[in-house]
Amino acid sequence: MADKLFLSLVTPEKEMVADAEVDQVNIPGFDGDMGILANHAPLLTLLRPGRFSYEKGEEVVELVVSEGYAEVTANRVTILAESAEFLHEIDHDRAETARAAAEKLLEKADLEGKAFKEAQDKLFRALARLETKKSD
């Protein structure tokens, strides 16, 4: 019998996935995408905004996550993300509005430090959400 892999995905608003038994987890890591299977080595990594998925048998469930953390320990994957949305929940018009607002904010010459980072994060989140429109 193969070892089991369990996934939990939590945002400040809610628990998106609660201790689900899965076959594989696909993470948009800060240094690149990665696939996690049972018996993976322990890992702690930053998330970047992007497409996140998990597989259970033939079913593939896809979400878009923002920045956060992923931890892999003892056949358990824990994702702590600032935000997460299932693909079918994404409002593409709202994401396009957020993208335009973030780009306009980044055009300001006096934007620096924390304000620049926040505007950049908003742009990355909007772009990750809009990326799903191409493949839906």
Protein backbone atom coordinates (compact mmCIF):
# COMPACT_ATOMS: atom_id res chain seq x y z
CA MET A 1 0.00 0.00 0.00
CA ALA A 2 1.36 3.41 -0.98
CA ASP A 3 1.93 6.08 1.61
CA LYS A 4 -0.75 8.75 1.85
CA LEU A 5 -0.20 12.49 1.32
CA PHE A 6 -2.39 15.00 3.14
CA LEU A 7 -3.03 18.61 2.14
CA SER A 8 -4.27 21.62 4.08
CA LEU A 9 -4.61 25.06 2.49
CA VAL A 10 -5.48 27.98 4.75
CA THR A 11 -5.98 31.70 4.15
CA PRO A 12 -6.72 34.37 6.76
CA GLU A 13 -10.39 34.19 5.73
CA LYS A 14 -10.99 30.44 5.65
CA GLU A 15 -9.70 26.92 5.38
CA MET A 16 -9.84 26.16 1.65
CA VAL A 17 -8.73 22.51 1.84
CA ALA A 18 -8.95 20.62 5.12
CA ASP A 19 -6.62 17.66 5.55
CA ALA A 20 -7.51 16.13 2.17
CA GLU A 21 -5.87 12.88 1.10
CA VAL A 22 -4.25 13.55 -2.29
CA ASP A 23 -1.82 11.92 -4.71
CA GLN A 24 0.16 15.02 -5.71
CA VAL A 25 0.38 18.73 -4.87
CA ASN A 26 1.71 21.27 -7.41
CA ILE A 27 3.05 24.47 -5.86
CA PRO A 28 4.03 27.80 -7.44
CA GLY A 29 7.22 28.20 -5.42
CA PHE A 30 9.24 31.38 -5.24
CA ASP A 31 12.11 29.72 -7.10
CA GLY A 32 9.91 27.76 -9.52
CA ASP A 33 7.03 25.33 -9.71
CA MET A 34 7.33 22.04 -7.85
CA GLY A 35 5.41 18.81 -7.55
CA ILE A 36 5.09 17.09 -4.19
CA LEU A 37 4.43 13.36 -3.87
CA ALA A 38 4.26 11.09 -0.84
CA ASN A 39 7.58 10.67 0.99
CA HIS A 40 8.91 14.01 -0.26
CA ALA A 41 11.83 15.43 1.70
CA PRO A 42 10.93 18.07 4.29
CA LEU A 43 10.66 21.50 2.73
CA LEU A 44 9.76 25.07 3.62
CA THR A 45 9.39 27.53 0.76
CA LEU A 46 7.83 30.85 -0.14
CA LEU A 47 4.87 30.87 -2.52
CA ARG A 48 4.61 33.25 -5.42
CA PRO A 49 1.26 34.25 -6.89
CA GLY A 50 0.25 31.60 -9.39
CA ARG A 51 -1.65 28.45 -10.19
CA PHE A 52 -1.77 25.82 -7.47
CA SER A 53 -3.27 22.37 -7.95
CA TYR A 54 -3.68 19.02 -6.33
CA GLU A 55 -4.51 15.65 -7.80
CA LYS A 56 -6.56 12.81 -6.39
CA GLY A 57 -6.96 9.91 -8.76
CA GLU A 58 -8.18 11.33 -12.07
CA GLU A 59 -9.45 14.56 -10.46
CA VAL A 60 -7.32 17.72 -10.68
CA VAL A 61 -8.41 20.68 -8.55
CA GLU A 62 -6.92 24.06 -9.49
CA LEU A 63 -6.73 27.31 -7.57
CA VAL A 64 -4.86 30.58 -7.80
CA VAL A 65 -2.89 31.46 -4.68
CA SER A 66 -1.10 34.63 -3.70
CA GLU A 67 2.09 34.88 -1.71
CA GLY A 68 2.52 32.77 1.38
CA TYR A 69 4.36 29.68 2.60
CA ALA A 70 4.38 25.97 1.83
CA GLU A 71 5.63 23.39 4.30
CA VAL A 72 6.17 19.70 3.58
CA THR A 73 6.70 17.35 6.53
CA ALA A 74 5.99 13.64 7.05
CA ASN A 75 3.58 13.21 4.10
CA ARG A 76 1.75 16.41 4.96
CA VAL A 77 1.63 19.59 2.85
CA THR A 78 0.50 22.75 4.60
CA ILE A 79 -0.12 25.88 2.54
CA LEU A 80 -0.55 29.27 4.25
CA ALA A 81 -1.55 31.82 1.60
CA GLU A 82 -2.66 35.45 1.80
CA SER A 83 -5.48 34.54 -0.58
CA ALA A 84 -6.68 31.61 -2.67
CA GLU A 85 -9.51 31.16 -5.16
CA PHE A 86 -10.79 28.13 -6.99
CA LEU A 87 -10.62 28.76 -10.75
CA HIS A 88 -14.40 28.72 -11.14
CA GLU A 89 -14.71 31.51 -8.51
CA ILE A 90 -12.42 34.03 -10.25
CA ASP A 91 -14.07 37.24 -11.41
CA HIS A 92 -11.94 38.11 -14.44
CA ASP A 93 -13.45 41.59 -14.83
CA ARG A 94 -12.52 42.41 -11.25
CA ALA A 95 -9.02 41.01 -11.80
CA GLU A 96 -8.60 43.18 -14.90
CA THR A 97 -9.67 46.26 -12.92
CA ALA A 98 -7.16 45.37 -10.17
CA ARG A 99 -4.40 44.91 -12.77
CA ALA A 100 -5.06 48.31 -14.32
CA ALA A 101 -5.15 50.02 -10.91
CA ALA A 102 -1.88 48.36 -9.82
CA GLU A 103 -0.13 49.33 -13.07
CA LYS A 104 -1.32 52.92 -12.70
CA LEU A 105 -0.03 53.01 -9.14
CA LEU A 106 3.35 51.59 -10.20
CA GLU A 107 3.72 54.36 -12.80
CA LYS A 108 4.04 56.95 -10.03
CA ALA A 109 7.64 58.16 -9.91
CA ASP A 110 7.60 58.77 -6.14
CA LEU A 111 6.45 55.25 -5.21
CA GLU A 112 9.11 53.43 -3.20
CA GLY A 113 9.70 51.05 -0.32
CA LYS A 114 6.66 49.40 1.24
CA ALA A 115 4.20 51.21 -1.05
CA PHE A 116 6.06 49.96 -4.14
CA LYS A 117 6.12 46.38 -2.80
CA GLU A 118 2.38 46.46 -2.03
CA ALA A 119 1.54 47.78 -5.52
CA GLN A 120 3.79 45.16 -7.09
CA ASP A 121 2.13 42.39 -5.05
CA LYS A 122 -1.30 43.59 -6.21
CA LEU A 123 -0.15 43.47 -9.81
CA PHE A 124 1.27 39.95 -9.44
CA ARG A 125 -1.98 38.70 -7.84
CA ALA A 126 -4.08 40.23 -10.60
CA LEU A 127 -1.86 38.76 -13.32
CA ALA A 128 -2.01 35.29 -11.73
CA ARG A 129 -5.82 35.50 -11.67
CA LEU A 130 -5.98 36.73 -15.28
CA GLU A 131 -3.64 33.99 -16.47
CA THR A 132 -6.40 31.45 -15.80
CA LYS A 133 -8.68 33.13 -18.36
CA LYS A 134 -6.45 31.95 -21.22
CA SER A 135 -6.83 28.27 -20.33
CA ASP A 136 -10.40 28.10 -18.98
